[in-house]
C-alpha atoms as a PDB file:
ATOM      1  CA  MET A   1     -15.604 158.594 193.323  1.00  0.00           C
ATOM      2  CA  SER A   2     -12.674 156.410 194.203  1.00  0.00           C
ATOM      3  CA  THR A   3      -9.486 157.848 195.590  1.00  0.00           C
ATOM      4  CA  VAL A   4      -6.255 156.481 194.344  1.00  0.00           C
ATOM      5  CA  ILE A   5      -3.456 156.444 196.903  1.00  0.00           C
ATOM      6  CA  GLU A   6       0.048 156.287 195.520  1.00  0.00           C
ATOM      7  CA  ARG A   7       2.524 154.319 197.554  1.00  0.00           C
ATOM      8  CA  PRO A   8       6.100 155.557 197.704  1.00  0.00           C
ATOM      9  CA  SER A   9       8.333 153.618 195.543  1.00  0.00           C
ATOM     10  CA  ALA A  10      11.339 151.825 197.029  1.00  0.00           C
ATOM     11  CA  VAL A  11      13.343 152.877 194.007  1.00  0.00           C
ATOM     12  CA  SER A  12      12.831 156.564 194.740  1.00  0.00           C
ATOM     13  CA  ALA A  13      14.207 156.125 198.270  1.00  0.00           C
ATOM     14  CA  ALA A  14      17.407 154.659 197.013  1.00  0.00           C
ATOM     15  CA  PRO A  15      18.919 157.846 195.539  1.00  0.00           C
ATOM     16  CA  ALA A  16      18.230 159.661 198.794  1.00  0.00           C
ATOM     17  CA  SER A  17      20.252 157.143 200.735  1.00  0.00           C
ATOM     18  CA  ARG A  18      23.199 157.268 198.385  1.00  0.00           C
ATOM     19  CA  PRO A  19      24.578 160.618 199.693  1.00  0.00           C
ATOM     20  CA  LYS A  20      24.516 159.276 203.214  1.00  0.00           C
ATOM     21  CA  VAL A  21      26.457 156.193 202.165  1.00  0.00           C
ATOM     22  CA  ARG A  22      28.983 158.303 200.294  1.00  0.00           C
ATOM     23  CA  GLU A  23      29.364 160.603 203.324  1.00  0.00           C
ATOM     24  CA  LYS A  24      30.026 157.653 205.571  1.00  0.00           C
ATOM     25  CA  LYS A  25      32.603 156.293 203.159  1.00  0.00           C
ATOM     26  CA  ARG A  26      34.280 159.644 202.931  1.00  0.00           C
ATOM     27  CA  TRP A  27      34.496 159.970 206.694  1.00  0.00           C
ATOM     28  CA  GLY A  28      35.705 156.400 206.983  1.00  0.00           C
ATOM     29  CA  LEU A  29      38.478 156.999 204.416  1.00  0.00           C
ATOM     30  CA  THR A  30      39.439 160.229 206.264  1.00  0.00           C
ATOM     31  CA  VAL A  31      39.749 158.423 209.579  1.00  0.00           C
ATOM     32  CA  VAL A  32      41.792 155.581 208.032  1.00  0.00           C
ATOM     33  CA  GLY A  33      44.028 158.070 206.165  1.00  0.00           C
ATOM     34  CA  THR A  34      44.609 160.072 209.391  1.00  0.00           C
ATOM     35  CA  ILE A  35      45.633 156.936 211.265  1.00  0.00           C
ATOM     36  CA  VAL A  36      48.051 155.850 208.565  1.00  0.00           C
ATOM     37  CA  ALA A  37      49.538 159.348 208.332  1.00  0.00           C
ATOM     38  CA  LEU A  38      50.072 159.459 212.127  1.00  0.00           C
ATOM     39  CA  VAL A  39      51.779 156.050 212.055  1.00  0.00           C
ATOM     40  CA  PHE A  40      54.269 157.276 209.423  1.00  0.00           C
ATOM     41  CA  LEU A  41      54.691 160.731 211.049  1.00  0.00           C
ATOM     42  CA  PHE A  42      55.112 159.437 214.618  1.00  0.00           C
ATOM     43  CA  PRO A  43      58.957 158.882 214.329  1.00  0.00           C
ATOM     44  CA  TYR A  44      59.358 162.385 212.964  1.00  0.00           C
ATOM     45  CA  ILE A  45      57.192 163.842 215.721  1.00  0.00           C
ATOM     46  CA  ILE A  46      59.386 162.095 218.329  1.00  0.00           C
ATOM     47  CA  MET A  47      62.483 163.385 216.597  1.00  0.00           C
ATOM     48  CA  LEU A  48      61.102 166.923 216.534  1.00  0.00           C
ATOM     49  CA  ILE A  49      60.222 166.831 220.249  1.00  0.00           C
ATOM     50  CA  GLY A  50      63.659 165.330 221.083  1.00  0.00           C
ATOM     51  CA  ALA A  51      65.308 168.224 219.335  1.00  0.00           C
ATOM     52  CA  PHE A  52      63.864 170.559 221.987  1.00  0.00           C
ATOM     53  CA  LYS A  53      65.003 168.476 224.914  1.00  0.00           C
ATOM     54  CA  THR A  54      68.303 168.512 226.840  1.00  0.00           C
ATOM     55  CA  ARG A  55      70.512 165.468 226.825  1.00  0.00           C
ATOM     56  CA  PRO A  56      69.803 164.482 230.474  1.00  0.00           C
ATOM     57  CA  GLU A  57      66.039 164.693 229.768  1.00  0.00           C
ATOM     58  CA  ILE A  58      66.395 162.503 226.678  1.00  0.00           C
ATOM     59  CA  LEU A  59      68.166 159.838 228.726  1.00  0.00           C
ATOM     60  CA  LYS A  60      65.803 160.152 231.707  1.00  0.00           C
ATOM     61  CA  VAL A  61      64.093 157.025 232.963  1.00  0.00           C
ATOM     62  CA  PRO A  62      61.135 156.927 232.905  1.00  0.00           C
ATOM     63  CA  PRO A  63      61.050 159.042 229.726  1.00  0.00           C
ATOM     64  CA  THR A  64      58.956 162.164 229.306  1.00  0.00           C
ATOM     65  CA  TYR A  65      57.087 162.632 226.057  1.00  0.00           C
ATOM     66  CA  LEU A  66      57.049 166.416 226.132  1.00  0.00           C
ATOM     67  CA  PRO A  67      60.066 168.444 227.301  1.00  0.00           C
ATOM     68  CA  GLN A  68      59.825 169.729 230.849  1.00  0.00           C
ATOM     69  CA  ASN A  69      62.325 172.463 230.018  1.00  0.00           C
ATOM     70  CA  TRP A  70      62.214 173.428 226.359  1.00  0.00           C
ATOM     71  CA  ALA A  71      65.636 173.906 224.817  1.00  0.00           C
ATOM     72  CA  PRO A  72      65.215 175.690 221.390  1.00  0.00           C
ATOM     73  CA  GLY A  73      68.820 176.780 221.703  1.00  0.00           C
ATOM     74  CA  ASN A  74      69.873 173.303 220.412  1.00  0.00           C
ATOM     75  CA  PHE A  75      69.211 174.580 216.893  1.00  0.00           C
ATOM     76  CA  LEU A  76      71.716 177.413 217.502  1.00  0.00           C
ATOM     77  CA  THR A  77      74.477 175.735 219.509  1.00  0.00           C
ATOM     78  CA  MET A  78      74.725 172.775 217.137  1.00  0.00           C
ATOM     79  CA  TRP A  79      76.348 175.007 214.522  1.00  0.00           C
ATOM     80  CA  ASN A  80      79.289 175.713 216.746  1.00  0.00           C
ATOM     81  CA  THR A  81      79.939 172.287 218.257  1.00  0.00           C
ATOM     82  CA  PRO A  82      83.481 170.833 218.248  1.00  0.00           C
ATOM     83  CA  GLU A  83      82.283 167.524 216.701  1.00  0.00           C
ATOM     84  CA  THR A  84      81.959 168.809 213.112  1.00  0.00           C
ATOM     85  CA  PRO A  85      81.696 172.120 211.152  1.00  0.00           C
ATOM     86  CA  LEU A  86      77.938 171.927 210.324  1.00  0.00           C
ATOM     87  CA  PRO A  87      77.810 175.077 208.114  1.00  0.00           C
ATOM     88  CA  ALA A  88      80.487 173.595 205.828  1.00  0.00           C
ATOM     89  CA  ASN A  89      78.713 170.216 205.939  1.00  0.00           C
ATOM     90  CA  LEU A  90      75.429 171.751 204.842  1.00  0.00           C
ATOM     91  CA  LEU A  91      77.169 173.676 202.084  1.00  0.00           C
ATOM     92  CA  SER A  92      78.800 170.440 200.890  1.00  0.00           C
ATOM     93  CA  THR A  93      75.447 168.658 200.897  1.00  0.00           C
ATOM     94  CA  VAL A  94      73.838 171.369 198.788  1.00  0.00           C
ATOM     95  CA  ILE A  95      76.711 171.578 196.316  1.00  0.00           C
ATOM     96  CA  ILE A  96      77.028 167.765 195.916  1.00  0.00           C
ATOM     97  CA  SER A  97      73.274 167.240 195.548  1.00  0.00           C
ATOM     98  CA  LEU A  98      72.738 170.043 193.040  1.00  0.00           C
ATOM     99  CA  GLY A  99      75.860 169.172 191.074  1.00  0.00           C
ATOM    100  CA  GLY A 100      75.085 165.432 190.930  1.00  0.00           C
ATOM    101  CA  THR A 101      71.456 166.093 189.933  1.00  0.00           C
ATOM    102  CA  ALA A 102      72.461 168.546 187.186  1.00  0.00           C
ATOM    103  CA  LEU A 103      75.176 166.249 185.760  1.00  0.00           C
ATOM    104  CA  ALA A 104      72.881 163.219 185.791  1.00  0.00           C
ATOM    105  CA  LEU A 105      70.179 165.227 184.030  1.00  0.00           C
ATOM    106  CA  VAL A 106      72.525 166.544 181.360  1.00  0.00           C
ATOM    107  CA  ALA A 107      73.722 163.013 180.565  1.00  0.00           C
ATOM    108  CA  ALA A 108      70.369 161.246 180.881  1.00  0.00           C
ATOM    109  CA  LEU A 109      68.284 163.669 178.786  1.00  0.00           C
ATOM    110  CA  PRO A 110      69.898 163.041 175.375  1.00  0.00           C
ATOM    111  CA  ALA A 111      70.349 159.331 176.113  1.00  0.00           C
ATOM    112  CA  ALA A 112      66.658 158.951 176.949  1.00  0.00           C
ATOM    113  CA  TYR A 113      65.615 160.935 173.919  1.00  0.00           C
ATOM    114  CA  TYR A 114      67.803 158.981 171.519  1.00  0.00           C
ATOM    115  CA  THR A 115      66.825 155.567 172.826  1.00  0.00           C
ATOM    116  CA  ALA A 116      63.138 156.412 172.722  1.00  0.00           C
ATOM    117  CA  ARG A 117      63.245 157.816 169.149  1.00  0.00           C
ATOM    118  CA  HIS A 118      65.665 155.445 167.422  1.00  0.00           C
ATOM    119  CA  ASN A 119      65.759 151.665 167.025  1.00  0.00           C
ATOM    120  CA  PHE A 120      69.300 150.458 166.725  1.00  0.00           C
ATOM    121  CA  ARG A 121      70.744 146.988 166.868  1.00  0.00           C
ATOM    122  CA  LEU A 122      72.142 147.076 170.399  1.00  0.00           C
ATOM    123  CA  LYS A 123      69.293 149.124 171.894  1.00  0.00           C
ATOM    124  CA  LEU A 124      68.070 146.410 174.305  1.00  0.00           C
ATOM    125  CA  PRO A 125      71.516 145.390 175.544  1.00  0.00           C
ATOM    126  CA  PHE A 126      72.328 149.063 176.043  1.00  0.00           C
ATOM    127  CA  MET A 127      69.214 149.671 178.120  1.00  0.00           C
ATOM    128  CA  LEU A 128      69.858 146.548 180.161  1.00  0.00           C
ATOM    129  CA  LEU A 129      73.475 147.588 180.708  1.00  0.00           C
ATOM    130  CA  VAL A 130      72.216 150.956 181.987  1.00  0.00           C
ATOM    131  CA  LEU A 131      69.789 149.138 184.288  1.00  0.00           C
ATOM    132  CA  ILE A 132      72.505 146.871 185.635  1.00  0.00           C
ATOM    133  CA  THR A 133      74.438 149.861 186.980  1.00  0.00           C
ATOM    134  CA  GLN A 134      71.467 150.517 189.284  1.00  0.00           C
ATOM    135  CA  MET A 135      72.115 147.189 191.010  1.00  0.00           C
ATOM    136  CA  LEU A 136      75.597 148.203 192.083  1.00  0.00           C
ATOM    137  CA  GLN A 137      76.145 150.204 195.251  1.00  0.00           C
ATOM    138  CA  PRO A 138      78.884 152.762 195.764  1.00  0.00           C
ATOM    139  CA  THR A 139      80.085 150.784 198.832  1.00  0.00           C
ATOM    140  CA  VAL A 140      80.992 147.835 196.637  1.00  0.00           C
ATOM    141  CA  LEU A 141      83.150 149.990 194.324  1.00  0.00           C
ATOM    142  CA  ALA A 142      84.488 152.326 197.017  1.00  0.00           C
ATOM    143  CA  SER A 143      88.070 150.980 196.950  1.00  0.00           C
ATOM    144  CA  GLY A 144      88.240 151.132 193.114  1.00  0.00           C
ATOM    145  CA  LEU A 145      86.729 154.636 193.035  1.00  0.00           C
ATOM    146  CA  PHE A 146      89.175 155.789 195.698  1.00  0.00           C
ATOM    147  CA  ARG A 147      92.186 154.580 193.670  1.00  0.00           C
ATOM    148  CA  GLU A 148      90.765 156.148 190.474  1.00  0.00           C
ATOM    149  CA  PHE A 149      90.161 159.473 192.146  1.00  0.00           C
ATOM    150  CA  VAL A 150      93.700 159.452 193.591  1.00  0.00           C
ATOM    151  CA  THR A 151      95.025 158.898 190.065  1.00  0.00           C
ATOM    152  CA  LEU A 152      92.924 161.785 188.801  1.00  0.00           C
ATOM    153  CA  GLU A 153      94.005 163.882 191.737  1.00  0.00           C
ATOM    154  CA  ILE A 154      90.411 164.719 192.741  1.00  0.00           C
ATOM    155  CA  ASN A 155      90.245 162.451 195.841  1.00  0.00           C
ATOM    156  CA  ASP A 156      88.607 164.007 198.939  1.00  0.00           C
ATOM    157  CA  THR A 157      86.866 166.672 196.907  1.00  0.00           C
ATOM    158  CA  ARG A 158      83.226 167.564 196.318  1.00  0.00           C
ATOM    159  CA  LEU A 159      83.749 167.006 192.565  1.00  0.00           C
ATOM    160  CA  ALA A 160      84.517 163.329 193.239  1.00  0.00           C
ATOM    161  CA  MET A 161      81.130 162.876 195.022  1.00  0.00           C
ATOM    162  CA  ILE A 162      79.285 164.763 192.315  1.00  0.00           C
ATOM    163  CA  LEU A 163      80.670 162.290 189.755  1.00  0.00           C
ATOM    164  CA  VAL A 164      79.796 159.306 191.923  1.00  0.00           C
ATOM    165  CA  ASN A 165      76.217 160.500 192.633  1.00  0.00           C
ATOM    166  CA  ALA A 166      75.606 161.353 188.966  1.00  0.00           C
ATOM    167  CA  ALA A 167      76.914 157.942 187.801  1.00  0.00           C
ATOM    168  CA  PHE A 168      74.855 155.906 190.199  1.00  0.00           C
ATOM    169  CA  ASN A 169      71.625 157.794 189.576  1.00  0.00           C
ATOM    170  CA  LEU A 170      72.030 158.018 185.844  1.00  0.00           C
ATOM    171  CA  SER A 171      70.270 154.782 185.000  1.00  0.00           C
ATOM    172  CA  PHE A 172      67.137 155.709 186.985  1.00  0.00           C
ATOM    173  CA  ALA A 173      66.917 159.087 185.217  1.00  0.00           C
ATOM    174  CA  VAL A 174      67.401 157.524 181.775  1.00  0.00           C
ATOM    175  CA  TRP A 175      64.697 154.934 182.292  1.00  0.00           C
ATOM    176  CA  ILE A 176      62.206 157.423 183.706  1.00  0.00           C
ATOM    177  CA  MET A 177      62.631 159.945 180.883  1.00  0.00           C
ATOM    178  CA  HIS A 178      62.875 157.197 178.229  1.00  0.00           C
ATOM    179  CA  SER A 179      59.285 156.146 179.083  1.00  0.00           C
ATOM    180  CA  PHE A 180      58.023 159.668 178.717  1.00  0.00           C
ATOM    181  CA  PHE A 181      59.727 160.350 175.403  1.00  0.00           C
ATOM    182  CA  ALA A 182      58.368 157.049 174.110  1.00  0.00           C
ATOM    183  CA  THR A 183      54.771 158.148 174.850  1.00  0.00           C
ATOM    184  CA  VAL A 184      55.018 161.253 172.616  1.00  0.00           C
ATOM    185  CA  PRO A 185      53.708 160.447 169.116  1.00  0.00           C
ATOM    186  CA  LYS A 186      56.342 160.649 166.387  1.00  0.00           C
ATOM    187  CA  GLU A 187      53.966 162.560 164.179  1.00  0.00           C
ATOM    188  CA  ILE A 188      54.285 165.629 166.451  1.00  0.00           C
ATOM    189  CA  GLU A 189      58.071 165.710 165.969  1.00  0.00           C
ATOM    190  CA  GLU A 190      57.691 164.991 162.203  1.00  0.00           C
ATOM    191  CA  ALA A 191      55.359 167.990 161.893  1.00  0.00           C
ATOM    192  CA  ALA A 192      58.019 170.106 163.589  1.00  0.00           C
ATOM    193  CA  PHE A 193      60.599 168.944 161.081  1.00  0.00           C
ATOM    194  CA  LEU A 194      58.274 169.862 158.204  1.00  0.00           C
ATOM    195  CA  ASP A 195      57.982 173.374 159.679  1.00  0.00           C
ATOM    196  CA  GLY A 196      61.801 173.751 159.522  1.00  0.00           C
ATOM    197  CA  CYS A 197      62.828 172.792 163.044  1.00  0.00           C
ATOM    198  CA  THR A 198      66.169 171.073 163.536  1.00  0.00           C
ATOM    199  CA  ARG A 199      66.635 168.071 165.829  1.00  0.00           C
ATOM    200  CA  PHE A 200      67.813 170.294 168.644  1.00  0.00           C
ATOM    201  CA  GLN A 201      65.027 172.849 168.156  1.00  0.00           C
ATOM    202  CA  SER A 202      62.438 170.068 168.106  1.00  0.00           C
ATOM    203  CA  LEU A 203      63.834 168.658 171.371  1.00  0.00           C
ATOM    204  CA  ARG A 204      63.902 172.065 173.079  1.00  0.00           C
ATOM    205  CA  ARG A 205      60.637 173.531 171.788  1.00  0.00           C
ATOM    206  CA  ILE A 206      58.394 170.481 171.250  1.00  0.00           C
ATOM    207  CA  MET A 207      59.606 167.482 173.249  1.00  0.00           C
ATOM    208  CA  LEU A 208      60.788 169.030 176.531  1.00  0.00           C
ATOM    209  CA  PRO A 209      57.479 170.806 177.317  1.00  0.00           C
ATOM    210  CA  LEU A 210      55.586 167.538 176.620  1.00  0.00           C
ATOM    211  CA  VAL A 211      57.817 165.406 178.841  1.00  0.00           C
ATOM    212  CA  TRP A 212      58.268 168.065 181.582  1.00  0.00           C
ATOM    213  CA  PRO A 213      56.458 165.953 184.283  1.00  0.00           C
ATOM    214  CA  GLY A 214      58.933 163.140 183.619  1.00  0.00           C
ATOM    215  CA  ILE A 215      61.905 165.477 183.904  1.00  0.00           C
ATOM    216  CA  VAL A 216      60.598 166.767 187.232  1.00  0.00           C
ATOM    217  CA  THR A 217      60.119 163.227 188.465  1.00  0.00           C
ATOM    218  CA  ALA A 218      63.680 162.263 187.529  1.00  0.00           C
ATOM    219  CA  VAL A 219      65.110 165.424 189.067  1.00  0.00           C
ATOM    220  CA  ILE A 220      63.375 165.090 192.417  1.00  0.00           C
ATOM    221  CA  PHE A 221      64.271 161.416 192.926  1.00  0.00           C
ATOM    222  CA  THR A 222      67.843 161.955 191.771  1.00  0.00           C
ATOM    223  CA  PHE A 223      68.169 164.951 194.120  1.00  0.00           C
ATOM    224  CA  ILE A 224      66.848 163.010 197.071  1.00  0.00           C
ATOM    225  CA  ALA A 225      69.250 160.082 196.365  1.00  0.00           C
ATOM    226  CA  CYS A 226      72.155 162.535 196.221  1.00  0.00           C
ATOM    227  CA  TRP A 227      71.033 164.278 199.376  1.00  0.00           C
ATOM    228  CA  ASN A 228      70.695 161.026 201.334  1.00  0.00           C
ATOM    229  CA  GLU A 229      73.932 159.383 200.071  1.00  0.00           C
ATOM    230  CA  PHE A 230      76.081 158.154 202.988  1.00  0.00           C
ATOM    231  CA  ALA A 231      78.340 155.163 202.352  1.00  0.00           C
ATOM    232  CA  ALA A 232      80.480 156.587 199.520  1.00  0.00           C
ATOM    233  CA  SER A 233      80.822 159.955 201.238  1.00  0.00           C
ATOM    234  CA  LEU A 234      82.041 158.280 204.412  1.00  0.00           C
ATOM    235  CA  ILE A 235      84.810 156.524 202.521  1.00  0.00           C
ATOM    236  CA  LEU A 236      85.731 159.046 199.827  1.00  0.00           C
ATOM    237  CA  LEU A 237      85.542 162.259 201.917  1.00  0.00           C
ATOM    238  CA  PRO A 238      87.730 161.959 204.991  1.00  0.00           C
ATOM    239  CA  THR A 239      88.050 165.765 205.539  1.00  0.00           C
ATOM    240  CA  ASP A 240      85.361 167.122 207.873  1.00  0.00           C
ATOM    241  CA  THR A 241      84.602 170.265 205.853  1.00  0.00           C
ATOM    242  CA  ASN A 242      83.914 168.267 202.686  1.00  0.00           C
ATOM    243  CA  GLN A 243      81.530 165.763 204.233  1.00  0.00           C
ATOM    244  CA  PRO A 244      77.747 166.115 203.761  1.00  0.00           C
ATOM    245  CA  LEU A 245      75.224 166.200 206.642  1.00  0.00           C
ATOM    246  CA  THR A 246      74.606 162.425 206.464  1.00  0.00           C
ATOM    247  CA  VAL A 247      78.192 161.780 207.474  1.00  0.00           C
ATOM    248  CA  ALA A 248      78.438 164.767 209.874  1.00  0.00           C
ATOM    249  CA  LEU A 249      75.447 163.364 211.776  1.00  0.00           C
ATOM    250  CA  THR A 250      77.500 160.375 212.942  1.00  0.00           C
ATOM    251  CA  ARG A 251      80.039 162.697 214.594  1.00  0.00           C
ATOM    252  CA  PHE A 252      77.566 163.324 217.409  1.00  0.00           C
ATOM    253  CA  ILE A 253      77.349 159.606 218.265  1.00  0.00           C
ATOM    254  CA  GLY A 254      80.423 158.541 220.197  1.00  0.00           C
ATOM    255  CA  GLN A 255      81.610 155.287 221.747  1.00  0.00           C
ATOM    256  CA  TYR A 256      80.890 156.415 225.311  1.00  0.00           C
ATOM    257  CA  GLU A 257      78.684 159.417 224.903  1.00  0.00           C
ATOM    258  CA  SER A 258      76.223 160.716 222.294  1.00  0.00           C
ATOM    259  CA  ALA A 259      74.715 164.154 221.916  1.00  0.00           C
ATOM    260  CA  TRP A 260      71.226 163.006 221.020  1.00  0.00           C
ATOM    261  CA  GLN A 261      69.739 166.500 221.179  1.00  0.00           C
ATOM    262  CA  TYR A 262      72.029 167.524 218.319  1.00  0.00           C
ATOM    263  CA  VAL A 263      71.356 164.311 216.437  1.00  0.00           C
ATOM    264  CA  PHE A 264      67.662 165.115 216.413  1.00  0.00           C
ATOM    265  CA  ALA A 265      68.179 168.758 215.584  1.00  0.00           C
ATOM    266  CA  VAL A 266      70.534 168.056 212.682  1.00  0.00           C
ATOM    267  CA  SER A 267      68.132 165.399 211.389  1.00  0.00           C
ATOM    268  CA  ILE A 268      65.336 168.000 211.310  1.00  0.00           C
ATOM    269  CA  ILE A 269      67.538 170.440 209.405  1.00  0.00           C
ATOM    270  CA  GLY A 270      68.463 167.636 206.993  1.00  0.00           C
ATOM    271  CA  ILE A 271      64.888 166.657 206.082  1.00  0.00           C
ATOM    272  CA  LEU A 272      63.454 170.177 205.836  1.00  0.00           C
ATOM    273  CA  PRO A 273      64.836 170.957 202.308  1.00  0.00           C
ATOM    274  CA  VAL A 274      63.514 167.672 200.933  1.00  0.00           C
ATOM    275  CA  VAL A 275      60.036 168.254 202.492  1.00  0.00           C
ATOM    276  CA  ALA A 276      59.985 171.814 201.108  1.00  0.00           C
ATOM    277  CA  LEU A 277      60.992 170.560 197.690  1.00  0.00           C
ATOM    278  CA  PHE A 278      58.226 167.972 197.677  1.00  0.00           C
ATOM    279  CA  ALA A 279      55.678 170.582 198.758  1.00  0.00           C
ATOM    280  CA  LEU A 280      56.736 172.930 195.909  1.00  0.00           C
ATOM    281  CA  ILE A 281      56.592 170.396 193.072  1.00  0.00           C
ATOM    282  CA  GLU A 282      53.955 167.940 194.407  1.00  0.00           C
ATOM    283  CA  ARG A 283      51.618 168.647 191.511  1.00  0.00           C
ATOM    284  CA  HIS A 284      54.260 168.021 188.859  1.00  0.00           C
ATOM    285  CA  LEU A 285      55.507 164.894 190.714  1.00  0.00           C
ATOM    286  CA  VAL A 286      52.075 163.281 190.933  1.00  0.00           C
ATOM    287  CA  SER A 287      51.366 163.937 187.232  1.00  0.00           C
ATOM    288  CA  GLY A 288      54.805 162.671 186.321  1.00  0.00           C
ATOM    289  CA  LEU A 289      54.363 159.375 188.128  1.00  0.00           C
ATOM    290  CA  THR A 290      51.025 158.712 186.388  1.00  0.00           C
ATOM    291  CA  ALA A 291      51.461 160.231 182.934  1.00  0.00           C
ATOM    292  CA  GLY A 292      54.452 158.107 181.969  1.00  0.00           C
ATOM    293  CA  GLY A 293      52.395 154.923 182.085  1.00  0.00           C
ATOM    294  CA  VAL A 294      49.714 156.093 179.623  1.00  0.00           C
ATOM    295  CA  LYS A 295      50.259 154.999 176.042  1.00  0.00           C
END
């Protein structure tokens, strides 16, 4: 009798090595991602550590990376400093950001819906005109806006900044939501009309749920733009109590002396709401950024 010895095939060994290769790639991507994240987070970590230092320690040479004497009281004393009324500044920031975002959304939603669903003669020039407004900065038009608000008797008010923020973020919101409305098949809306829905009912019950990721995307980016606005607020809001946090932050930086511990602490307070908002709607934001490009 002859014994047949089967040799292991090289092909069968290949699948066994694939999990190891995938595991190495996964760990490699994890290490690279961690390094990139640390590079971007490093300035914020330094800012957070500086918020717990005293001013002499911040200016100390050679510098210390960790506070020798932790000063968490900076987050309490900064609210009662003589430089600026921070509680009123925070309230102004919230009111201006929410008001500007809401007004931009109310104006952009019907405009995006109409341009996506109707073909009219001046559609392309209209969309280009809306886009051109994104190229202009509030600083360029500050003097004209100031004179206009004086005429309307709303200068140095939060309402003026709500109108400015809504106007300069309107084009972005229109274009974002226009692309989402355009991806919804017209047959869906036509079926709603056959069932007896009016145009408004179709928009509210059919279209809005389908383009909800796009609305969330437009809202979050508009809100962040309003929250971070600086130049127009610096010119149009001379009163301390009406100014947002972005302008109030400069009050702690003087010609001869700067309260850096308060600069860092106010900066942390300023970025926390945006970070929290991103964390809450991250899932909707990611789906909104990708779904609008699918035809």
